């Protein structure tokens, strides 16, 4: 079955998952190299952990914002916990698999645990995650993850794309919580349906169906339904 791992047509010709502009553009660490360095211990292991942190910390902070009920400090703690757990499990990682869905699966479990702890420990309503999600997606990289780049010097187009990026980020932030997670992985990370399924524990077919619904919701929210 065909997977949607290529450029996602998304909410419009511009409001889409552009893999070359996603967080993946920075490159994925070498899974085999990280695994072997972690297993060696000492300075090699310290360097491997630093590389894992550098590659995933900011990206996981964006993902954590899709989990309602966590303060900024709790999101940081949950991300740190996820990266420590991923590093600890690295010696047993199969480098024939893609590293990112595996890391995100660990993170998803840790974030869910953090939300449950936060709900048990506090009777205070933290408030909607919408603003946190918008801020995370608009951290200087989120806009380019959902909007295609324009030719340099085309200021009118740049302004239009900036406005569309803001509307896309707001539309994603307004989605139901489970859909925000799918949208973050699809539009921000450029994950395929199979990779999203691995990260979130969902069948790939269900992911494809949800992505289709999310595209329609973004089109409606951004006024791009007829484009």
C-alpha atoms as a PDB file:
ATOM      1  CA  UNK A   1       0.000   0.000   0.000  1.00  0.00           C
ATOM      2  CA  UNK A   2       1.256   3.472  -0.853  1.00  0.00           C
ATOM      3  CA  UNK A   3       2.374   5.480   2.177  1.00  0.00           C
ATOM      4  CA  UNK A   4       2.236   9.254   2.376  1.00  0.00           C
ATOM      5  CA  UNK A   5       5.880   9.783   3.277  1.00  0.00           C
ATOM      6  CA  UNK A   6       6.468  12.343   0.510  1.00  0.00           C
ATOM      7  CA  UNK A   7       5.409  15.959   0.437  1.00  0.00           C
ATOM      8  CA  UNK A   8       1.924  16.200   1.929  1.00  0.00           C
ATOM      9  CA  UNK A   9      -0.433  18.329  -0.137  1.00  0.00           C
ATOM     10  CA  UNK A  10      -1.977  19.339   3.184  1.00  0.00           C
ATOM     11  CA  UNK A  11      -4.383  22.196   3.682  1.00  0.00           C
ATOM     12  CA  UNK A  12      -3.385  23.860   0.436  1.00  0.00           C
ATOM     13  CA  UNK A  13      -0.592  23.978  -2.096  1.00  0.00           C
ATOM     14  CA  UNK A  14       1.427  25.879   0.501  1.00  0.00           C
ATOM     15  CA  UNK A  15       0.003  24.722   3.840  1.00  0.00           C
ATOM     16  CA  UNK A  16       1.465  21.219   3.730  1.00  0.00           C
ATOM     17  CA  UNK A  17       4.055  18.933   5.241  1.00  0.00           C
ATOM     18  CA  UNK A  18       7.205  19.766   3.357  1.00  0.00           C
ATOM     19  CA  UNK A  19       9.769  17.157   4.365  1.00  0.00           C
ATOM     20  CA  UNK A  20      12.697  19.306   3.250  1.00  0.00           C
ATOM     21  CA  UNK A  21      11.531  22.092   5.533  1.00  0.00           C
ATOM     22  CA  UNK A  22      10.644  19.952   8.529  1.00  0.00           C
ATOM     23  CA  UNK A  23      12.714  19.281  11.597  1.00  0.00           C
ATOM     24  CA  UNK A  24      14.141  16.320   9.693  1.00  0.00           C
ATOM     25  CA  UNK A  25      16.030  18.787   7.491  1.00  0.00           C
ATOM     26  CA  UNK A  26      18.599  19.047  10.266  1.00  0.00           C
ATOM     27  CA  UNK A  27      19.372  15.371   9.758  1.00  0.00           C
ATOM     28  CA  UNK A  28      18.824  12.307  11.894  1.00  0.00           C
ATOM     29  CA  UNK A  29      21.702  11.067  14.047  1.00  0.00           C
ATOM     30  CA  UNK A  30      23.374   7.862  12.948  1.00  0.00           C
ATOM     31  CA  UNK A  31      21.503   5.213  14.923  1.00  0.00           C
ATOM     32  CA  UNK A  32      24.288   2.625  14.747  1.00  0.00           C
ATOM     33  CA  UNK A  33      26.894   5.177  15.789  1.00  0.00           C
ATOM     34  CA  UNK A  34      24.843   6.359  18.760  1.00  0.00           C
ATOM     35  CA  UNK A  35      24.084   2.796  19.844  1.00  0.00           C
ATOM     36  CA  UNK A  36      27.709   1.708  19.689  1.00  0.00           C
ATOM     37  CA  UNK A  37      28.960   4.837  21.478  1.00  0.00           C
ATOM     38  CA  UNK A  38      26.374   4.407  24.235  1.00  0.00           C
ATOM     39  CA  UNK A  39      27.423   0.789  24.700  1.00  0.00           C
ATOM     40  CA  UNK A  40      31.117   1.738  24.977  1.00  0.00           C
ATOM     41  CA  UNK A  41      30.466   4.043  27.915  1.00  0.00           C
ATOM     42  CA  UNK A  42      32.758   6.757  29.216  1.00  0.00           C
ATOM     43  CA  UNK A  43      33.378   9.774  27.038  1.00  0.00           C
ATOM     44  CA  UNK A  44      31.878   8.084  24.001  1.00  0.00           C
ATOM     45  CA  UNK A  45      28.602   7.559  25.851  1.00  0.00           C
ATOM     46  CA  UNK A  46      28.604  11.172  27.068  1.00  0.00           C
ATOM     47  CA  UNK A  47      29.095  12.378  23.499  1.00  0.00           C
ATOM     48  CA  UNK A  48      26.282  10.113  22.286  1.00  0.00           C
ATOM     49  CA  UNK A  49      23.899  11.519  24.873  1.00  0.00           C
ATOM     50  CA  UNK A  50      24.860  15.069  23.926  1.00  0.00           C
ATOM     51  CA  UNK A  51      24.172  14.266  20.263  1.00  0.00           C
ATOM     52  CA  UNK A  52      20.802  12.723  21.121  1.00  0.00           C
ATOM     53  CA  UNK A  53      19.856  15.765  23.200  1.00  0.00           C
ATOM     54  CA  UNK A  54      20.952  18.205  20.497  1.00  0.00           C
ATOM     55  CA  UNK A  55      19.000  16.353  17.822  1.00  0.00           C
ATOM     56  CA  UNK A  56      15.740  15.916  19.702  1.00  0.00           C
ATOM     57  CA  UNK A  57      15.307  18.326  22.626  1.00  0.00           C
ATOM     58  CA  UNK A  58      13.644  21.202  20.755  1.00  0.00           C
ATOM     59  CA  UNK A  59      11.662  18.854  18.546  1.00  0.00           C
ATOM     60  CA  UNK A  60      10.313  16.937  21.540  1.00  0.00           C
ATOM     61  CA  UNK A  61       9.390  20.186  23.288  1.00  0.00           C
ATOM     62  CA  UNK A  62       7.119  20.949  20.331  1.00  0.00           C
ATOM     63  CA  UNK A  63       5.660  17.438  20.552  1.00  0.00           C
ATOM     64  CA  UNK A  64       5.167  17.758  24.319  1.00  0.00           C
ATOM     65  CA  UNK A  65       3.051  20.869  23.772  1.00  0.00           C
ATOM     66  CA  UNK A  66       0.450  18.594  22.148  1.00  0.00           C
ATOM     67  CA  UNK A  67      -0.148  16.990  25.561  1.00  0.00           C
ATOM     68  CA  UNK A  68      -2.680  19.008  27.517  1.00  0.00           C
ATOM     69  CA  UNK A  69      -2.082  19.752  31.170  1.00  0.00           C
ATOM     70  CA  UNK A  70       1.697  20.149  31.323  1.00  0.00           C
ATOM     71  CA  UNK A  71       3.310  23.416  32.316  1.00  0.00           C
ATOM     72  CA  UNK A  72       6.451  24.594  30.522  1.00  0.00           C
ATOM     73  CA  UNK A  73       8.588  23.221  33.350  1.00  0.00           C
ATOM     74  CA  UNK A  74       6.795  19.887  33.293  1.00  0.00           C
ATOM     75  CA  UNK A  75       7.258  19.660  29.535  1.00  0.00           C
ATOM     76  CA  UNK A  76      10.991  20.225  29.961  1.00  0.00           C
ATOM     77  CA  UNK A  77      11.157  17.545  32.664  1.00  0.00           C
ATOM     78  CA  UNK A  78       9.158  15.103  30.529  1.00  0.00           C
ATOM     79  CA  UNK A  79      11.414  15.694  27.517  1.00  0.00           C
ATOM     80  CA  UNK A  80      14.528  15.230  29.634  1.00  0.00           C
ATOM     81  CA  UNK A  81      13.049  12.036  31.093  1.00  0.00           C
ATOM     82  CA  UNK A  82      12.247  10.756  27.588  1.00  0.00           C
ATOM     83  CA  UNK A  83      15.739  11.440  26.289  1.00  0.00           C
ATOM     84  CA  UNK A  84      17.354   9.782  29.314  1.00  0.00           C
ATOM     85  CA  UNK A  85      15.099   6.754  28.793  1.00  0.00           C
ATOM     86  CA  UNK A  86      15.913   6.634  25.070  1.00  0.00           C
ATOM     87  CA  UNK A  87      19.620   6.849  25.794  1.00  0.00           C
ATOM     88  CA  UNK A  88      19.361   4.057  28.336  1.00  0.00           C
ATOM     89  CA  UNK A  89      17.629   1.860  25.779  1.00  0.00           C
ATOM     90  CA  UNK A  90      20.028   2.667  22.936  1.00  0.00           C
ATOM     91  CA  UNK A  91      22.303  -0.392  23.400  1.00  0.00           C
ATOM     92  CA  UNK A  92      19.322  -2.592  22.523  1.00  0.00           C
ATOM     93  CA  UNK A  93      18.148  -0.509  19.570  1.00  0.00           C
ATOM     94  CA  UNK A  94      18.087  -2.174  16.143  1.00  0.00           C
ATOM     95  CA  UNK A  95      19.845   0.347  13.853  1.00  0.00           C
ATOM     96  CA  UNK A  96      18.075  -1.095  10.816  1.00  0.00           C
ATOM     97  CA  UNK A  97      15.013   0.746  12.062  1.00  0.00           C
ATOM     98  CA  UNK A  98      14.525   4.499  11.847  1.00  0.00           C
ATOM     99  CA  UNK A  99      15.618   6.215  15.039  1.00  0.00           C
ATOM    100  CA  UNK A 100      13.094   9.066  15.196  1.00  0.00           C
ATOM    101  CA  UNK A 101       9.843   7.025  15.428  1.00  0.00           C
ATOM    102  CA  UNK A 102      11.482   4.938  18.156  1.00  0.00           C
ATOM    103  CA  UNK A 103      12.496   8.054  20.103  1.00  0.00           C
ATOM    104  CA  UNK A 104       9.027   9.534  19.704  1.00  0.00           C
ATOM    105  CA  UNK A 105       7.381   6.312  20.884  1.00  0.00           C
ATOM    106  CA  UNK A 106       9.402   6.497  24.104  1.00  0.00           C
ATOM    107  CA  UNK A 107       8.561  10.199  24.397  1.00  0.00           C
ATOM    108  CA  UNK A 108       4.838   9.597  23.854  1.00  0.00           C
ATOM    109  CA  UNK A 109       4.793   7.083  26.699  1.00  0.00           C
ATOM    110  CA  UNK A 110       6.719   9.422  29.007  1.00  0.00           C
ATOM    111  CA  UNK A 111       4.513  12.404  28.154  1.00  0.00           C
ATOM    112  CA  UNK A 112       1.350  10.408  28.834  1.00  0.00           C
ATOM    113  CA  UNK A 113       2.778   9.351  32.192  1.00  0.00           C
ATOM    114  CA  UNK A 114       3.671  12.975  32.976  1.00  0.00           C
ATOM    115  CA  UNK A 115       0.124  14.113  32.192  1.00  0.00           C
ATOM    116  CA  UNK A 116      -1.317  11.450  34.498  1.00  0.00           C
ATOM    117  CA  UNK A 117       1.045  12.485  37.299  1.00  0.00           C
ATOM    118  CA  UNK A 118       0.207  16.157  36.828  1.00  0.00           C
ATOM    119  CA  UNK A 119      -3.508  15.418  37.038  1.00  0.00           C
ATOM    120  CA  UNK A 120      -3.088  13.358  40.198  1.00  0.00           C
ATOM    121  CA  UNK A 121      -0.891  15.903  41.930  1.00  0.00           C
ATOM    122  CA  UNK A 122      -2.815  19.062  41.126  1.00  0.00           C
ATOM    123  CA  UNK A 123      -6.424  20.132  41.418  1.00  0.00           C
ATOM    124  CA  UNK A 124      -5.654  23.351  39.544  1.00  0.00           C
ATOM    125  CA  UNK A 125      -6.816  23.532  35.939  1.00  0.00           C
ATOM    126  CA  UNK A 126      -3.695  24.241  33.927  1.00  0.00           C
ATOM    127  CA  UNK A 127      -5.689  25.622  31.022  1.00  0.00           C
ATOM    128  CA  UNK A 128      -5.821  24.755  27.355  1.00  0.00           C
ATOM    129  CA  UNK A 129      -2.691  23.699  25.555  1.00  0.00           C
ATOM    130  CA  UNK A 130      -3.604  25.851  22.556  1.00  0.00           C
ATOM    131  CA  UNK A 131      -1.305  28.754  23.431  1.00  0.00           C
ATOM    132  CA  UNK A 132       1.577  26.436  24.342  1.00  0.00           C
ATOM    133  CA  UNK A 133       1.137  24.587  21.065  1.00  0.00           C
ATOM    134  CA  UNK A 134       1.033  27.789  19.039  1.00  0.00           C
ATOM    135  CA  UNK A 135       4.149  29.093  20.768  1.00  0.00           C
ATOM    136  CA  UNK A 136       5.956  25.789  20.239  1.00  0.00           C
ATOM    137  CA  UNK A 137       5.100  25.683  16.549  1.00  0.00           C
ATOM    138  CA  UNK A 138       6.105  29.329  16.218  1.00  0.00           C
ATOM    139  CA  UNK A 139       9.517  28.937  17.889  1.00  0.00           C
ATOM    140  CA  UNK A 140      11.337  30.152  14.830  1.00  0.00           C
ATOM    141  CA  UNK A 141      11.029  26.891  12.890  1.00  0.00           C
ATOM    142  CA  UNK A 142       7.391  25.864  13.131  1.00  0.00           C
ATOM    143  CA  UNK A 143       6.203  28.120  10.358  1.00  0.00           C
ATOM    144  CA  UNK A 144       8.571  26.680   7.793  1.00  0.00           C
ATOM    145  CA  UNK A 145       7.416  23.185   8.677  1.00  0.00           C
ATOM    146  CA  UNK A 146       3.933  23.758   7.306  1.00  0.00           C
ATOM    147  CA  UNK A 147       4.503  26.391   4.638  1.00  0.00           C
ATOM    148  CA  UNK A 148       6.599  26.093   1.521  1.00  0.00           C
ATOM    149  CA  UNK A 149       9.460  28.567   1.112  1.00  0.00           C
ATOM    150  CA  UNK A 150       9.049  31.414  -1.335  1.00  0.00           C
ATOM    151  CA  UNK A 151      11.541  33.008  -3.669  1.00  0.00           C
ATOM    152  CA  UNK A 152      13.844  35.451  -1.918  1.00  0.00           C
ATOM    153  CA  UNK A 153      12.946  39.053  -2.487  1.00  0.00           C
ATOM    154  CA  UNK A 154       9.259  38.340  -3.002  1.00  0.00           C
ATOM    155  CA  UNK A 155       8.125  40.314   0.031  1.00  0.00           C
ATOM    156  CA  UNK A 156       4.410  40.135  -0.745  1.00  0.00           C
ATOM    157  CA  UNK A 157       4.596  36.346  -1.014  1.00  0.00           C
ATOM    158  CA  UNK A 158       6.722  36.160   2.134  1.00  0.00           C
ATOM    159  CA  UNK A 159       4.111  38.166   4.023  1.00  0.00           C
ATOM    160  CA  UNK A 160       1.309  35.966   2.713  1.00  0.00           C
ATOM    161  CA  UNK A 161       3.191  32.806   3.672  1.00  0.00           C
ATOM    162  CA  UNK A 162       3.926  34.195   7.124  1.00  0.00           C
ATOM    163  CA  UNK A 163       0.238  34.891   7.630  1.00  0.00           C
ATOM    164  CA  UNK A 164      -0.652  31.417   6.372  1.00  0.00           C
ATOM    165  CA  UNK A 165       1.943  29.870   8.697  1.00  0.00           C
ATOM    166  CA  UNK A 166       0.375  31.637  11.666  1.00  0.00           C
ATOM    167  CA  UNK A 167      -3.103  30.502  10.656  1.00  0.00           C
ATOM    168  CA  UNK A 168      -1.865  26.922  10.168  1.00  0.00           C
ATOM    169  CA  UNK A 169      -0.209  26.921  13.594  1.00  0.00           C
ATOM    170  CA  UNK A 170      -3.396  28.265  15.178  1.00  0.00           C
ATOM    171  CA  UNK A 171      -5.477  25.653  13.353  1.00  0.00           C
ATOM    172  CA  UNK A 172      -3.226  22.842  14.556  1.00  0.00           C
ATOM    173  CA  UNK A 173      -3.312  24.208  18.112  1.00  0.00           C
ATOM    174  CA  UNK A 174      -7.121  24.168  18.031  1.00  0.00           C
ATOM    175  CA  UNK A 175      -7.339  20.498  17.026  1.00  0.00           C
ATOM    176  CA  UNK A 176      -8.375  17.828  19.543  1.00  0.00           C
ATOM    177  CA  UNK A 177      -5.402  16.650  21.567  1.00  0.00           C
ATOM    178  CA  UNK A 178      -4.885  13.322  19.779  1.00  0.00           C
ATOM    179  CA  UNK A 179      -5.048  15.042  16.402  1.00  0.00           C
ATOM    180  CA  UNK A 180      -2.512  17.667  17.509  1.00  0.00           C
ATOM    181  CA  UNK A 181      -0.043  14.871  18.109  1.00  0.00           C
ATOM    182  CA  UNK A 182      -0.657  13.366  14.680  1.00  0.00           C
ATOM    183  CA  UNK A 183      -0.435  16.808  13.054  1.00  0.00           C
ATOM    184  CA  UNK A 184       2.816  17.632  14.843  1.00  0.00           C
ATOM    185  CA  UNK A 185       4.467  14.457  13.597  1.00  0.00           C
ATOM    186  CA  UNK A 186       3.074  14.815  10.077  1.00  0.00           C
ATOM    187  CA  UNK A 187       3.455  18.525   9.442  1.00  0.00           C
ATOM    188  CA  UNK A 188       6.369  19.406  11.715  1.00  0.00           C
ATOM    189  CA  UNK A 189       8.419  16.226  11.497  1.00  0.00           C
ATOM    190  CA  UNK A 190       7.350  15.026   8.058  1.00  0.00           C
ATOM    191  CA  UNK A 191       6.711  11.499   9.385  1.00  0.00           C
ATOM    192  CA  UNK A 192       4.983   8.968   7.158  1.00  0.00           C
ATOM    193  CA  UNK A 193       1.750   7.354   8.320  1.00  0.00           C
ATOM    194  CA  UNK A 194       3.713   4.220   9.222  1.00  0.00           C
ATOM    195  CA  UNK A 195       6.191   6.211  11.312  1.00  0.00           C
ATOM    196  CA  UNK A 196       3.398   8.113  13.073  1.00  0.00           C
ATOM    197  CA  UNK A 197       1.726   4.801  13.797  1.00  0.00           C
ATOM    198  CA  UNK A 198       4.930   3.440  15.327  1.00  0.00           C
ATOM    199  CA  UNK A 199       5.378   6.553  17.443  1.00  0.00           C
ATOM    200  CA  UNK A 200       1.788   6.759  18.685  1.00  0.00           C
ATOM    201  CA  UNK A 201       0.838   3.078  18.698  1.00  0.00           C
ATOM    202  CA  UNK A 202      -1.795   3.434  15.966  1.00  0.00           C
ATOM    203  CA  UNK A 203      -2.471   1.444  12.780  1.00  0.00           C
ATOM    204  CA  UNK A 204      -1.083   3.228   9.723  1.00  0.00           C
ATOM    205  CA  UNK A 205      -4.513   3.122   8.085  1.00  0.00           C
ATOM    206  CA  UNK A 206      -6.032   4.960  11.032  1.00  0.00           C
ATOM    207  CA  UNK A 207      -3.274   7.551  10.804  1.00  0.00           C
ATOM    208  CA  UNK A 208      -3.994   8.124   7.102  1.00  0.00           C
ATOM    209  CA  UNK A 209      -7.679   8.618   7.858  1.00  0.00           C
ATOM    210  CA  UNK A 210      -6.880  11.050  10.686  1.00  0.00           C
ATOM    211  CA  UNK A 211      -4.434  13.019   8.520  1.00  0.00           C
ATOM    212  CA  UNK A 212      -7.136  13.409   5.883  1.00  0.00           C
ATOM    213  CA  UNK A 213      -9.558  14.765   8.483  1.00  0.00           C
ATOM    214  CA  UNK A 214      -6.863  17.073   9.855  1.00  0.00           C
ATOM    215  CA  UNK A 215      -6.144  18.450   6.376  1.00  0.00           C
ATOM    216  CA  UNK A 216      -9.823  19.266   5.933  1.00  0.00           C
ATOM    217  CA  UNK A 217      -9.964  20.940   9.341  1.00  0.00           C
ATOM    218  CA  UNK A 218      -6.912  23.071   8.528  1.00  0.00           C
ATOM    219  CA  UNK A 219      -8.349  24.028   5.143  1.00  0.00           C
ATOM    220  CA  UNK A 220     -11.566  25.138   6.800  1.00  0.00           C
ATOM    221  CA  UNK A 221      -9.779  27.032   9.591  1.00  0.00           C
ATOM    222  CA  UNK A 222      -7.405  28.836   7.237  1.00  0.00           C
ATOM    223  CA  UNK A 223      -9.954  29.650   4.558  1.00  0.00           C
ATOM    224  CA  UNK A 224      -8.115  27.498   2.008  1.00  0.00           C
ATOM    225  CA  UNK A 225     -10.979  25.114   1.252  1.00  0.00           C
ATOM    226  CA  UNK A 226     -11.323  26.234  -2.331  1.00  0.00           C
ATOM    227  CA  UNK A 227      -7.568  26.150  -3.170  1.00  0.00           C
END
